[in-house]
PDB file of all heavy atoms in Angstrom:
ATOM      1  N   LEU A   1     -62.190 -34.321  -6.938  1.00  0.00           N
ATOM      2  CA  LEU A   1     -63.344 -35.180  -6.924  1.00  0.00           C
ATOM      3  C   LEU A   1     -63.569 -35.912  -5.646  1.00  0.00           C
ATOM      4  O   LEU A   1     -64.758 -36.009  -5.053  1.00  0.00           O
ATOM      5  CB  LEU A   1     -63.305 -36.210  -8.091  1.00  0.00           C
ATOM      6  CG  LEU A   1     -64.507 -37.019  -8.434  1.00  0.00           C
ATOM      7  CD1 LEU A   1     -65.771 -36.026  -8.891  1.00  0.00           C
ATOM      8  CD2 LEU A   1     -64.265 -37.964  -9.633  1.00  0.00           C
ATOM      9  N   SER A   2     -62.519 -36.494  -5.214  1.00  0.00           N
ATOM     10  CA  SER A   2     -62.594 -37.311  -3.914  1.00  0.00           C
ATOM     11  C   SER A   2     -62.989 -36.365  -2.733  1.00  0.00           C
ATOM     12  O   SER A   2     -63.790 -36.707  -1.841  1.00  0.00           O
ATOM     13  CB  SER A   2     -61.224 -37.791  -3.577  1.00  0.00           C
ATOM     14  OG  SER A   2     -60.807 -38.752  -4.585  1.00  0.00           O
ATOM     15  N   ASN A   3     -62.468 -35.188  -2.688  1.00  0.00           N
ATOM     16  CA  ASN A   3     -62.821 -34.242  -1.607  1.00  0.00           C
ATOM     17  C   ASN A   3     -64.352 -33.952  -1.746  1.00  0.00           C
ATOM     18  O   ASN A   3     -64.991 -34.030  -0.601  1.00  0.00           O
ATOM     19  CB  ASN A   3     -62.007 -32.941  -1.838  1.00  0.00           C
ATOM     20  CG  ASN A   3     -62.165 -31.968  -0.734  1.00  0.00           C
ATOM     21  OD1 ASN A   3     -61.955 -32.332   0.436  1.00  0.00           O
ATOM     22  ND2 ASN A   3     -62.468 -30.681  -1.019  1.00  0.00           N
ATOM     23  N   ALA A   4     -64.825 -33.573  -2.809  1.00  0.00           N
ATOM     24  CA  ALA A   4     -66.230 -33.256  -2.873  1.00  0.00           C
ATOM     25  C   ALA A   4     -67.226 -34.430  -2.691  1.00  0.00           C
ATOM     26  O   ALA A   4     -68.265 -34.112  -2.107  1.00  0.00           O
ATOM     27  CB  ALA A   4     -66.457 -32.700  -4.392  1.00  0.00           C
ATOM     28  N   LEU A   5     -66.893 -35.651  -3.112  1.00  0.00           N
ATOM     29  CA  LEU A   5     -67.820 -36.718  -3.027  1.00  0.00           C
ATOM     30  C   LEU A   5     -67.966 -37.096  -1.400  1.00  0.00           C
ATOM     31  O   LEU A   5     -68.895 -37.909  -1.120  1.00  0.00           O
ATOM     32  CB  LEU A   5     -67.452 -37.790  -3.737  1.00  0.00           C
ATOM     33  CG  LEU A   5     -67.507 -37.610  -5.347  1.00  0.00           C
ATOM     34  CD1 LEU A   5     -67.311 -38.967  -6.068  1.00  0.00           C
ATOM     35  CD2 LEU A   5     -68.877 -37.055  -5.679  1.00  0.00           C
ATOM     36  N   GLN A   6     -67.137 -36.609  -0.567  1.00  0.00           N
ATOM     37  CA  GLN A   6     -67.256 -36.877   0.848  1.00  0.00           C
ATOM     38  C   GLN A   6     -68.470 -36.237   1.532  1.00  0.00           C
ATOM     39  O   GLN A   6     -68.658 -36.561   2.655  1.00  0.00           O
ATOM     40  CB  GLN A   6     -65.913 -36.664   1.624  1.00  0.00           C
ATOM     41  CG  GLN A   6     -64.871 -37.682   1.133  1.00  0.00           C
ATOM     42  CD  GLN A   6     -63.575 -37.568   2.024  1.00  0.00           C
ATOM     43  OE1 GLN A   6     -63.498 -38.024   3.145  1.00  0.00           O
ATOM     44  NE2 GLN A   6     -62.591 -36.770   1.404  1.00  0.00           N
ATOM     45  N   GLN A   7     -69.124 -35.511   0.731  1.00  0.00           N
ATOM     46  CA  GLN A   7     -70.430 -34.941   1.213  1.00  0.00           C
ATOM     47  C   GLN A   7     -71.362 -36.024   1.596  1.00  0.00           C
ATOM     48  O   GLN A   7     -72.217 -35.924   2.544  1.00  0.00           O
ATOM     49  CB  GLN A   7     -71.083 -33.894   0.274  1.00  0.00           C
ATOM     50  CG  GLN A   7     -70.252 -32.695  -0.042  1.00  0.00           C
ATOM     51  CD  GLN A   7     -70.939 -31.934  -1.219  1.00  0.00           C
ATOM     52  OE1 GLN A   7     -72.128 -31.636  -1.202  1.00  0.00           O
ATOM     53  NE2 GLN A   7     -70.035 -31.621  -2.304  1.00  0.00           N
ATOM     54  N   LYS A   8     -71.336 -37.120   0.738  1.00  0.00           N
ATOM     55  CA  LYS A   8     -72.278 -38.199   0.957  1.00  0.00           C
ATOM     56  C   LYS A   8     -71.606 -39.569   0.984  1.00  0.00           C
ATOM     57  O   LYS A   8     -72.362 -40.529   1.286  1.00  0.00           O
ATOM     58  CB  LYS A   8     -73.374 -38.178  -0.242  1.00  0.00           C
ATOM     59  CG  LYS A   8     -74.296 -37.096  -0.272  1.00  0.00           C
ATOM     60  CD  LYS A   8     -75.380 -37.256  -1.329  1.00  0.00           C
ATOM     61  CE  LYS A   8     -76.365 -36.132  -1.272  1.00  0.00           C
ATOM     62  NZ  LYS A   8     -77.439 -36.299  -2.306  1.00  0.00           N
ATOM     63  N   LEU A   9     -70.331 -39.671   0.705  1.00  0.00           N
ATOM     64  CA  LEU A   9     -69.706 -41.001   0.571  1.00  0.00           C
ATOM     65  C   LEU A   9     -68.411 -41.080   1.332  1.00  0.00           C
ATOM     66  O   LEU A   9     -67.844 -40.008   1.733  1.00  0.00           O
ATOM     67  CB  LEU A   9     -69.365 -41.190  -0.874  1.00  0.00           C
ATOM     68  CG  LEU A   9     -70.498 -41.276  -1.878  1.00  0.00           C
ATOM     69  CD1 LEU A   9     -70.016 -41.216  -3.362  1.00  0.00           C
ATOM     70  CD2 LEU A   9     -71.379 -42.519  -1.682  1.00  0.00           C
ATOM     71  N   ILE A  10     -68.056 -42.275   1.696  1.00  0.00           N
ATOM     72  CA  ILE A  10     -66.798 -42.535   2.476  1.00  0.00           C
ATOM     73  C   ILE A  10     -65.651 -42.834   1.570  1.00  0.00           C
ATOM     74  O   ILE A  10     -65.801 -43.699   0.650  1.00  0.00           O
ATOM     75  CB  ILE A  10     -67.033 -43.624   3.468  1.00  0.00           C
ATOM     76  CG1 ILE A  10     -68.165 -43.348   4.448  1.00  0.00           C
ATOM     77  CG2 ILE A  10     -65.828 -44.055   4.237  1.00  0.00           C
ATOM     78  CD1 ILE A  10     -68.801 -44.636   5.193  1.00  0.00           C
ATOM     79  N   LEU A  11     -64.459 -42.220   1.703  1.00  0.00           N
ATOM     80  CA  LEU A  11     -63.333 -42.512   0.960  1.00  0.00           C
ATOM     81  C   LEU A  11     -62.636 -43.819   1.363  1.00  0.00           C
ATOM     82  O   LEU A  11     -62.325 -43.886   2.568  1.00  0.00           O
ATOM     83  CB  LEU A  11     -62.393 -41.197   0.893  1.00  0.00           C
ATOM     84  CG  LEU A  11     -61.068 -41.346   0.254  1.00  0.00           C
ATOM     85  CD1 LEU A  11     -61.341 -41.470  -1.295  1.00  0.00           C
ATOM     86  CD2 LEU A  11     -60.278 -40.178   0.538  1.00  0.00           C
ATOM     87  N   LEU A  12     -62.349 -44.611   0.455  1.00  0.00           N
ATOM     88  CA  LEU A  12     -61.492 -45.848   0.664  1.00  0.00           C
ATOM     89  C   LEU A  12     -60.117 -45.650   0.065  1.00  0.00           C
ATOM     90  O   LEU A  12     -59.856 -44.717  -0.774  1.00  0.00           O
ATOM     91  CB  LEU A  12     -62.245 -47.063   0.099  1.00  0.00           C
ATOM     92  CG  LEU A  12     -63.250 -47.719   0.931  1.00  0.00           C
ATOM     93  CD1 LEU A  12     -64.381 -46.838   1.173  1.00  0.00           C
ATOM     94  CD2 LEU A  12     -63.773 -49.000   0.166  1.00  0.00           C
ATOM     95  N   PRO A  13     -59.144 -46.551   0.329  1.00  0.00           N
ATOM     96  CA  PRO A  13     -57.784 -46.428  -0.282  1.00  0.00           C
ATOM     97  C   PRO A  13     -57.901 -46.426  -1.855  1.00  0.00           C
ATOM     98  O   PRO A  13     -58.624 -47.279  -2.389  1.00  0.00           O
ATOM     99  CB  PRO A  13     -57.168 -47.706   0.195  1.00  0.00           C
ATOM    100  CG  PRO A  13     -57.746 -48.073   1.544  1.00  0.00           C
ATOM    101  CD  PRO A  13     -59.200 -47.660   1.355  1.00  0.00           C
ATOM    102  N   GLU A  14     -57.061 -45.667  -2.466  1.00  0.00           N
ATOM    103  CA  GLU A  14     -57.059 -45.638  -3.869  1.00  0.00           C
ATOM    104  C   GLU A  14     -56.158 -46.791  -4.459  1.00  0.00           C
ATOM    105  O   GLU A  14     -55.417 -47.302  -3.658  1.00  0.00           O
ATOM    106  CB  GLU A  14     -56.495 -44.273  -4.418  1.00  0.00           C
ATOM    107  CG  GLU A  14     -55.003 -44.165  -4.347  1.00  0.00           C
ATOM    108  CD  GLU A  14     -54.474 -43.640  -3.048  1.00  0.00           C
ATOM    109  OE1 GLU A  14     -55.197 -43.831  -2.051  1.00  0.00           O
ATOM    110  OE2 GLU A  14     -53.430 -43.073  -2.967  1.00  0.00           O
ATOM    111  N   VAL A  15     -56.453 -47.104  -5.599  1.00  0.00           N
ATOM    112  CA  VAL A  15     -55.625 -48.210  -6.324  1.00  0.00           C
ATOM    113  C   VAL A  15     -55.107 -47.574  -7.609  1.00  0.00           C
ATOM    114  O   VAL A  15     -55.879 -46.779  -8.240  1.00  0.00           O
ATOM    115  CB  VAL A  15     -56.567 -49.414  -6.594  1.00  0.00           C
ATOM    116  CG1 VAL A  15     -55.720 -50.398  -7.490  1.00  0.00           C
ATOM    117  CG2 VAL A  15     -56.883 -50.086  -5.339  1.00  0.00           C
ATOM    118  N   PHE A  16     -53.946 -47.965  -8.007  1.00  0.00           N
ATOM    119  CA  PHE A  16     -53.344 -47.404  -9.282  1.00  0.00           C
ATOM    120  C   PHE A  16     -53.290 -48.464 -10.371  1.00  0.00           C
ATOM    121  O   PHE A  16     -52.747 -49.523 -10.181  1.00  0.00           O
ATOM    122  CB  PHE A  16     -51.885 -46.831  -9.066  1.00  0.00           C
ATOM    123  CG  PHE A  16     -51.889 -45.647  -8.249  1.00  0.00           C
ATOM    124  CD1 PHE A  16     -51.446 -45.658  -6.933  1.00  0.00           C
ATOM    125  CD2 PHE A  16     -52.339 -44.394  -8.687  1.00  0.00           C
ATOM    126  CE1 PHE A  16     -51.494 -44.560  -6.121  1.00  0.00           C
ATOM    127  CE2 PHE A  16     -52.247 -43.224  -7.975  1.00  0.00           C
ATOM    128  CZ  PHE A  16     -51.832 -43.268  -6.606  1.00  0.00           C
ATOM    129  N   TRP A  17     -53.845 -48.053 -11.572  1.00  0.00           N
ATOM    130  CA  TRP A  17     -53.651 -48.713 -12.703  1.00  0.00           C
ATOM    131  C   TRP A  17     -52.412 -48.136 -13.386  1.00  0.00           C
ATOM    132  O   TRP A  17     -52.512 -47.051 -13.922  1.00  0.00           O
ATOM    133  CB  TRP A  17     -54.945 -48.705 -13.600  1.00  0.00           C
ATOM    134  CG  TRP A  17     -54.772 -49.182 -14.973  1.00  0.00           C
ATOM    135  CD1 TRP A  17     -53.750 -50.016 -15.526  1.00  0.00           C
ATOM    136  CD2 TRP A  17     -55.521 -48.664 -16.177  1.00  0.00           C
ATOM    137  NE1 TRP A  17     -54.017 -50.146 -16.839  1.00  0.00           N
ATOM    138  CE2 TRP A  17     -54.973 -49.378 -17.342  1.00  0.00           C
ATOM    139  CE3 TRP A  17     -56.585 -47.861 -16.288  1.00  0.00           C
ATOM    140  CZ2 TRP A  17     -55.509 -49.151 -18.541  1.00  0.00           C
ATOM    141  CZ3 TRP A  17     -57.175 -47.698 -17.581  1.00  0.00           C
ATOM    142  CH2 TRP A  17     -56.656 -48.337 -18.700  1.00  0.00           C
ATOM    143  N   CYS A  18     -51.334 -48.849 -13.507  1.00  0.00           N
ATOM    144  CA  CYS A  18     -50.038 -48.361 -14.128  1.00  0.00           C
ATOM    145  C   CYS A  18     -49.975 -48.908 -15.529  1.00  0.00           C
ATOM    146  O   CYS A  18     -50.170 -50.118 -15.781  1.00  0.00           O
ATOM    147  CB  CYS A  18     -48.963 -48.674 -13.240  1.00  0.00           C
ATOM    148  SG  CYS A  18     -48.945 -47.980 -11.580  1.00  0.00           S
ATOM    149  N   GLN A  19     -49.657 -48.029 -16.483  1.00  0.00           N
ATOM    150  CA  GLN A  19     -49.447 -48.421 -17.822  1.00  0.00           C
ATOM    151  C   GLN A  19     -48.012 -48.454 -18.249  1.00  0.00           C
ATOM    152  O   GLN A  19     -47.341 -47.428 -17.963  1.00  0.00           O
ATOM    153  CB  GLN A  19     -50.204 -47.507 -18.743  1.00  0.00           C
ATOM    154  CG  GLN A  19     -51.726 -47.435 -18.500  1.00  0.00           C
ATOM    155  CD  GLN A  19     -52.506 -46.335 -19.021  1.00  0.00           C
ATOM    156  OE1 GLN A  19     -52.355 -45.160 -18.531  1.00  0.00           O
ATOM    157  NE2 GLN A  19     -53.274 -46.571 -19.988  1.00  0.00           N
ATOM    158  N   ASP A  20     -47.509 -49.532 -18.922  1.00  0.00           N
ATOM    159  CA  ASP A  20     -46.149 -49.517 -19.429  1.00  0.00           C
ATOM    160  C   ASP A  20     -46.048 -49.967 -20.800  1.00  0.00           C
ATOM    161  O   ASP A  20     -44.978 -50.314 -21.321  1.00  0.00           O
ATOM    162  CB  ASP A  20     -45.355 -50.515 -18.567  1.00  0.00           C
ATOM    163  CG  ASP A  20     -45.783 -51.959 -18.710  1.00  0.00           C
ATOM    164  OD1 ASP A  20     -46.819 -52.246 -19.362  1.00  0.00           O
ATOM    165  OD2 ASP A  20     -44.996 -52.932 -18.269  1.00  0.00           O
ATOM    166  N   ASP A  21     -47.121 -49.768 -21.597  1.00  0.00           N
ATOM    167  CA  ASP A  21     -47.166 -50.165 -22.951  1.00  0.00           C
ATOM    168  C   ASP A  21     -47.357 -48.939 -23.838  1.00  0.00           C
ATOM    169  O   ASP A  21     -47.802 -49.027 -25.040  1.00  0.00           O
ATOM    170  CB  ASP A  21     -48.285 -51.251 -23.283  1.00  0.00           C
ATOM    171  CG  ASP A  21     -49.644 -50.696 -22.826  1.00  0.00           C
ATOM    172  OD1 ASP A  21     -49.711 -49.793 -21.968  1.00  0.00           O
ATOM    173  OD2 ASP A  21     -50.590 -51.211 -23.410  1.00  0.00           O
ATOM    174  N   ILE A  22     -46.990 -47.751 -23.300  1.00  0.00           N
ATOM    175  CA  ILE A  22     -47.180 -46.507 -24.004  1.00  0.00           C
ATOM    176  C   ILE A  22     -45.773 -45.789 -24.316  1.00  0.00           C
ATOM    177  O   ILE A  22     -44.987 -45.774 -23.471  1.00  0.00           O
ATOM    178  CB  ILE A  22     -48.097 -45.495 -23.327  1.00  0.00           C
ATOM    179  CG1 ILE A  22     -49.451 -46.239 -23.007  1.00  0.00           C
ATOM    180  CG2 ILE A  22     -48.446 -44.354 -24.218  1.00  0.00           C
ATOM    181  CD1 ILE A  22     -50.298 -45.393 -22.049  1.00  0.00           C
ATOM    182  N   SER A  23     -45.639 -45.279 -25.543  1.00  0.00           N
ATOM    183  CA  SER A  23     -44.252 -44.707 -25.867  1.00  0.00           C
ATOM    184  C   SER A  23     -44.155 -43.284 -24.950  1.00  0.00           C
ATOM    185  O   SER A  23     -45.102 -42.615 -24.756  1.00  0.00           O
ATOM    186  CB  SER A  23     -44.250 -44.282 -27.226  1.00  0.00           C
ATOM    187  OG  SER A  23     -44.308 -45.522 -28.044  1.00  0.00           O
ATOM    188  N   ILE A  24     -42.934 -43.086 -24.495  1.00  0.00           N
ATOM    189  CA  ILE A  24     -42.751 -41.944 -23.747  1.00  0.00           C
ATOM    190  C   ILE A  24     -42.364 -40.772 -24.603  1.00  0.00           C
ATOM    191  O   ILE A  24     -41.540 -40.866 -25.555  1.00  0.00           O
ATOM    192  CB  ILE A  24     -41.554 -42.138 -22.752  1.00  0.00           C
ATOM    193  CG1 ILE A  24     -41.907 -43.267 -21.755  1.00  0.00           C
ATOM    194  CG2 ILE A  24     -41.271 -40.872 -21.922  1.00  0.00           C
ATOM    195  CD1 ILE A  24     -40.670 -43.663 -20.814  1.00  0.00           C
ATOM    196  N   ALA A  25     -43.011 -39.577 -24.315  1.00  0.00           N
ATOM    197  CA  ALA A  25     -42.698 -38.405 -25.230  1.00  0.00           C
ATOM    198  C   ALA A  25     -41.808 -37.480 -24.409  1.00  0.00           C
ATOM    199  O   ALA A  25     -41.981 -37.368 -23.149  1.00  0.00           O
ATOM    200  CB  ALA A  25     -44.108 -37.711 -25.573  1.00  0.00           C
ATOM    201  N   PRO A  26     -40.891 -36.723 -25.014  1.00  0.00           N
ATOM    202  CA  PRO A  26     -39.933 -35.872 -24.340  1.00  0.00           C
ATOM    203  C   PRO A  26     -40.488 -34.597 -24.002  1.00  0.00           C
ATOM    204  O   PRO A  26     -39.885 -33.449 -24.324  1.00  0.00           O
ATOM    205  CB  PRO A  26     -38.822 -35.870 -25.355  1.00  0.00           C
ATOM    206  CG  PRO A  26     -39.493 -35.877 -26.591  1.00  0.00           C
ATOM    207  CD  PRO A  26     -40.595 -36.796 -26.440  1.00  0.00           C
ATOM    208  N   TYR A  27     -41.606 -34.560 -23.291  1.00  0.00           N
ATOM    209  CA  TYR A  27     -42.222 -33.223 -22.869  1.00  0.00           C
ATOM    210  C   TYR A  27     -41.184 -32.403 -22.032  1.00  0.00           C
ATOM    211  O   TYR A  27     -40.595 -32.877 -21.104  1.00  0.00           O
ATOM    212  CB  TYR A  27     -43.468 -33.487 -22.068  1.00  0.00           C
ATOM    213  CG  TYR A  27     -44.568 -34.177 -22.758  1.00  0.00           C
ATOM    214  CD1 TYR A  27     -45.268 -35.122 -21.990  1.00  0.00           C
ATOM    215  CD2 TYR A  27     -44.968 -33.996 -24.043  1.00  0.00           C
ATOM    216  CE1 TYR A  27     -46.233 -35.948 -22.619  1.00  0.00           C
ATOM    217  CE2 TYR A  27     -45.972 -34.674 -24.660  1.00  0.00           C
ATOM    218  CZ  TYR A  27     -46.610 -35.703 -23.971  1.00  0.00           C
ATOM    219  OH  TYR A  27     -47.592 -36.421 -24.566  1.00  0.00           O
ATOM    220  N   GLY A  28     -41.072 -31.071 -22.421  1.00  0.00           N
ATOM    221  CA  GLY A  28     -40.298 -30.243 -21.640  1.00  0.00           C
ATOM    222  C   GLY A  28     -38.791 -30.484 -21.779  1.00  0.00           C
ATOM    223  O   GLY A  28     -37.973 -29.825 -21.007  1.00  0.00           O
ATOM    224  N   TYR A  29     -38.341 -31.249 -22.697  1.00  0.00           N
ATOM    225  CA  TYR A  29     -36.940 -31.677 -22.709  1.00  0.00           C
ATOM    226  C   TYR A  29     -35.931 -30.479 -22.748  1.00  0.00           C
ATOM    227  O   TYR A  29     -36.217 -29.537 -23.590  1.00  0.00           O
ATOM    228  CB  TYR A  29     -36.675 -32.644 -23.954  1.00  0.00           C
ATOM    229  CG  TYR A  29     -35.152 -32.973 -24.046  1.00  0.00           C
ATOM    230  CD1 TYR A  29     -34.490 -33.726 -23.057  1.00  0.00           C
ATOM    231  CD2 TYR A  29     -34.332 -32.441 -25.082  1.00  0.00           C
ATOM    232  CE1 TYR A  29     -33.207 -33.997 -23.210  1.00  0.00           C
ATOM    233  CE2 TYR A  29     -33.055 -32.695 -25.165  1.00  0.00           C
ATOM    234  CZ  TYR A  29     -32.412 -33.460 -24.173  1.00  0.00           C
ATOM    235  OH  TYR A  29     -31.088 -33.711 -24.301  1.00  0.00           O
ATOM    236  N   GLY A  30     -35.105 -30.475 -21.836  1.00  0.00           N
ATOM    237  CA  GLY A  30     -34.037 -29.403 -21.829  1.00  0.00           C
ATOM    238  C   GLY A  30     -34.448 -28.143 -21.114  1.00  0.00           C
ATOM    239  O   GLY A  30     -33.637 -27.277 -20.854  1.00  0.00           O
ATOM    240  N   ASN A  31     -35.697 -28.165 -20.752  1.00  0.00           N
ATOM    241  CA  ASN A  31     -36.179 -26.902 -20.010  1.00  0.00           C
ATOM    242  C   ASN A  31     -36.868 -26.995 -18.699  1.00  0.00           C
ATOM    243  O   ASN A  31     -36.596 -26.295 -17.750  1.00  0.00           O
ATOM    244  CB  ASN A  31     -37.292 -26.161 -21.004  1.00  0.00           C
ATOM    245  CG  ASN A  31     -36.577 -25.574 -22.225  1.00  0.00           C
ATOM    246  OD1 ASN A  31     -35.761 -24.685 -22.107  1.00  0.00           O
ATOM    247  ND2 ASN A  31     -37.022 -26.133 -23.348  1.00  0.00           N
ATOM    248  N   THR A  32     -37.689 -28.110 -18.541  1.00  0.00           N
ATOM    249  CA  THR A  32     -38.369 -28.220 -17.293  1.00  0.00           C
ATOM    250  C   THR A  32     -38.901 -29.645 -17.183  1.00  0.00           C
ATOM    251  O   THR A  32     -38.832 -30.525 -18.176  1.00  0.00           O
ATOM    252  CB  THR A  32     -39.507 -27.247 -17.137  1.00  0.00           C
ATOM    253  OG1 THR A  32     -39.988 -27.337 -15.721  1.00  0.00           O
ATOM    254  CG2 THR A  32     -40.587 -27.562 -18.035  1.00  0.00           C
ATOM    255  N   TRP A  33     -39.490 -30.120 -16.033  1.00  0.00           N
ATOM    256  CA  TRP A  33     -40.030 -31.338 -15.733  1.00  0.00           C
ATOM    257  C   TRP A  33     -41.504 -31.451 -16.072  1.00  0.00           C
ATOM    258  O   TRP A  33     -42.325 -30.695 -15.483  1.00  0.00           O
ATOM    259  CB  TRP A  33     -39.738 -31.756 -14.268  1.00  0.00           C
ATOM    260  CG  TRP A  33     -40.677 -32.792 -13.686  1.00  0.00           C
ATOM    261  CD1 TRP A  33     -41.538 -32.499 -12.607  1.00  0.00           C
ATOM    262  CD2 TRP A  33     -40.819 -34.039 -14.027  1.00  0.00           C
ATOM    263  NE1 TRP A  33     -42.166 -33.699 -12.224  1.00  0.00           N
ATOM    264  CE2 TRP A  33     -41.852 -34.620 -13.133  1.00  0.00           C
ATOM    265  CE3 TRP A  33     -40.322 -34.903 -15.083  1.00  0.00           C
ATOM    266  CZ2 TRP A  33     -42.262 -35.978 -13.199  1.00  0.00           C
ATOM    267  CZ3 TRP A  33     -40.826 -36.176 -15.067  1.00  0.00           C
ATOM    268  CH2 TRP A  33     -41.692 -36.730 -14.148  1.00  0.00           C
ATOM    269  N   VAL A  34     -41.903 -32.315 -17.037  1.00  0.00           N
ATOM    270  CA  VAL A  34     -43.283 -32.509 -17.373  1.00  0.00           C
ATOM    271  C   VAL A  34     -43.412 -34.091 -17.569  1.00  0.00           C
ATOM    272  O   VAL A  34     -42.804 -34.511 -18.497  1.00  0.00           O
ATOM    273  CB  VAL A  34     -43.770 -31.809 -18.535  1.00  0.00           C
ATOM    274  CG1 VAL A  34     -45.232 -32.126 -18.800  1.00  0.00           C
ATOM    275  CG2 VAL A  34     -43.485 -30.324 -18.533  1.00  0.00           C
ATOM    276  N   SER A  35     -44.090 -34.725 -16.695  1.00  0.00           N
ATOM    277  CA  SER A  35     -44.185 -36.201 -16.903  1.00  0.00           C
ATOM    278  C   SER A  35     -45.143 -36.754 -17.958  1.00  0.00           C
ATOM    279  O   SER A  35     -45.966 -35.970 -18.454  1.00  0.00           O
ATOM    280  CB  SER A  35     -44.707 -36.907 -15.528  1.00  0.00           C
ATOM    281  OG  SER A  35     -46.121 -36.746 -15.446  1.00  0.00           O
ATOM    282  N   ASN A  36     -45.057 -37.895 -18.296  1.00  0.00           N
ATOM    283  CA  ASN A  36     -45.997 -38.620 -19.143  1.00  0.00           C
ATOM    284  C   ASN A  36     -46.900 -39.298 -18.209  1.00  0.00           C
ATOM    285  O   ASN A  36     -46.411 -40.183 -17.390  1.00  0.00           O
ATOM    286  CB  ASN A  36     -45.401 -39.592 -20.113  1.00  0.00           C
ATOM    287  CG  ASN A  36     -44.621 -39.053 -21.304  1.00  0.00           C
ATOM    288  OD1 ASN A  36     -44.775 -39.375 -22.409  1.00  0.00           O
ATOM    289  ND2 ASN A  36     -43.675 -38.095 -21.087  1.00  0.00           N
ATOM    290  N   THR A  37     -48.152 -39.012 -18.064  1.00  0.00           N
ATOM    291  CA  THR A  37     -49.046 -39.511 -17.055  1.00  0.00           C
ATOM    292  C   THR A  37     -49.553 -40.879 -17.489  1.00  0.00           C
ATOM    293  O   THR A  37     -50.381 -41.060 -18.295  1.00  0.00           O
ATOM    294  CB  THR A  37     -50.257 -38.608 -16.837  1.00  0.00           C
ATOM    295  OG1 THR A  37     -49.811 -37.271 -16.504  1.00  0.00           O
ATOM    296  CG2 THR A  37     -51.104 -39.154 -15.733  1.00  0.00           C
ATOM    297  N   PHE A  38     -48.848 -41.923 -16.927  1.00  0.00           N
ATOM    298  CA  PHE A  38     -49.135 -43.316 -17.157  1.00  0.00           C
ATOM    299  C   PHE A  38     -49.712 -44.042 -16.125  1.00  0.00           C
ATOM    300  O   PHE A  38     -49.547 -45.241 -15.916  1.00  0.00           O
ATOM    301  CB  PHE A  38     -47.835 -44.013 -17.671  1.00  0.00           C
ATOM    302  CG  PHE A  38     -47.315 -43.521 -18.939  1.00  0.00           C
ATOM    303  CD1 PHE A  38     -45.940 -43.934 -19.367  1.00  0.00           C
ATOM    304  CD2 PHE A  38     -48.075 -42.832 -19.841  1.00  0.00           C
ATOM    305  CE1 PHE A  38     -45.572 -43.447 -20.559  1.00  0.00           C
ATOM    306  CE2 PHE A  38     -47.516 -42.362 -21.075  1.00  0.00           C
ATOM    307  CZ  PHE A  38     -46.249 -42.667 -21.482  1.00  0.00           C
ATOM    308  N   HIS A  39     -50.341 -43.377 -15.143  1.00  0.00           N
ATOM    309  CA  HIS A  39     -51.114 -43.974 -14.046  1.00  0.00           C
ATOM    310  C   HIS A  39     -52.446 -43.356 -13.825  1.00  0.00           C
ATOM    311  O   HIS A  39     -52.628 -42.186 -14.089  1.00  0.00           O
ATOM    312  CB  HIS A  39     -50.298 -43.859 -12.670  1.00  0.00           C
ATOM    313  CG  HIS A  39     -50.195 -42.408 -12.163  1.00  0.00           C
ATOM    314  ND1 HIS A  39     -49.199 -41.623 -12.515  1.00  0.00           N
ATOM    315  CD2 HIS A  39     -51.046 -41.849 -11.309  1.00  0.00           C
ATOM    316  CE1 HIS A  39     -49.452 -40.433 -11.862  1.00  0.00           C
ATOM    317  NE2 HIS A  39     -50.462 -40.526 -11.072  1.00  0.00           N
ATOM    318  N   GLN A  40     -53.398 -44.233 -13.651  1.00  0.00           N
ATOM    319  CA  GLN A  40     -54.787 -43.798 -13.434  1.00  0.00           C
ATOM    320  C   GLN A  40     -55.232 -44.136 -11.948  1.00  0.00           C
ATOM    321  O   GLN A  40     -54.863 -45.229 -11.500  1.00  0.00           O
ATOM    322  CB  GLN A  40     -55.779 -44.670 -14.349  1.00  0.00           C
ATOM    323  CG  GLN A  40     -55.272 -44.837 -15.747  1.00  0.00           C
ATOM    324  CD  GLN A  40     -55.576 -43.577 -16.696  1.00  0.00           C
ATOM    325  OE1 GLN A  40     -56.545 -42.912 -16.424  1.00  0.00           O
ATOM    326  NE2 GLN A  40     -54.766 -43.438 -17.741  1.00  0.00           N
ATOM    327  N   TYR A  41     -55.926 -43.232 -11.456  1.00  0.00           N
ATOM    328  CA  TYR A  41     -56.468 -43.487 -10.070  1.00  0.00           C
ATOM    329  C   TYR A  41     -57.741 -44.295 -10.259  1.00  0.00           C
ATOM    330  O   TYR A  41     -58.675 -43.925 -11.078  1.00  0.00           O
ATOM    331  CB  TYR A  41     -56.904 -42.086  -9.412  1.00  0.00           C
ATOM    332  CG  TYR A  41     -55.733 -41.318  -8.873  1.00  0.00           C
ATOM    333  CD1 TYR A  41     -55.047 -40.475  -9.808  1.00  0.00           C
ATOM    334  CD2 TYR A  41     -55.473 -41.402  -7.553  1.00  0.00           C
ATOM    335  CE1 TYR A  41     -53.927 -39.778  -9.176  1.00  0.00           C
ATOM    336  CE2 TYR A  41     -54.381 -40.601  -7.073  1.00  0.00           C
ATOM    337  CZ  TYR A  41     -53.724 -39.853  -7.925  1.00  0.00           C
ATOM    338  OH  TYR A  41     -52.712 -39.037  -7.354  1.00  0.00           O
TER     339      TYR A  41
END
């Protein structure tokens, strides 16, 4: 989205909203790395 909007707009530094009040789920446990996405751009 950021890449495409530079057709008409100027990109500024992103800010992260981090969440720490959500239960973590064991995605991929024992097999591979899959994060719980708890940050929003």
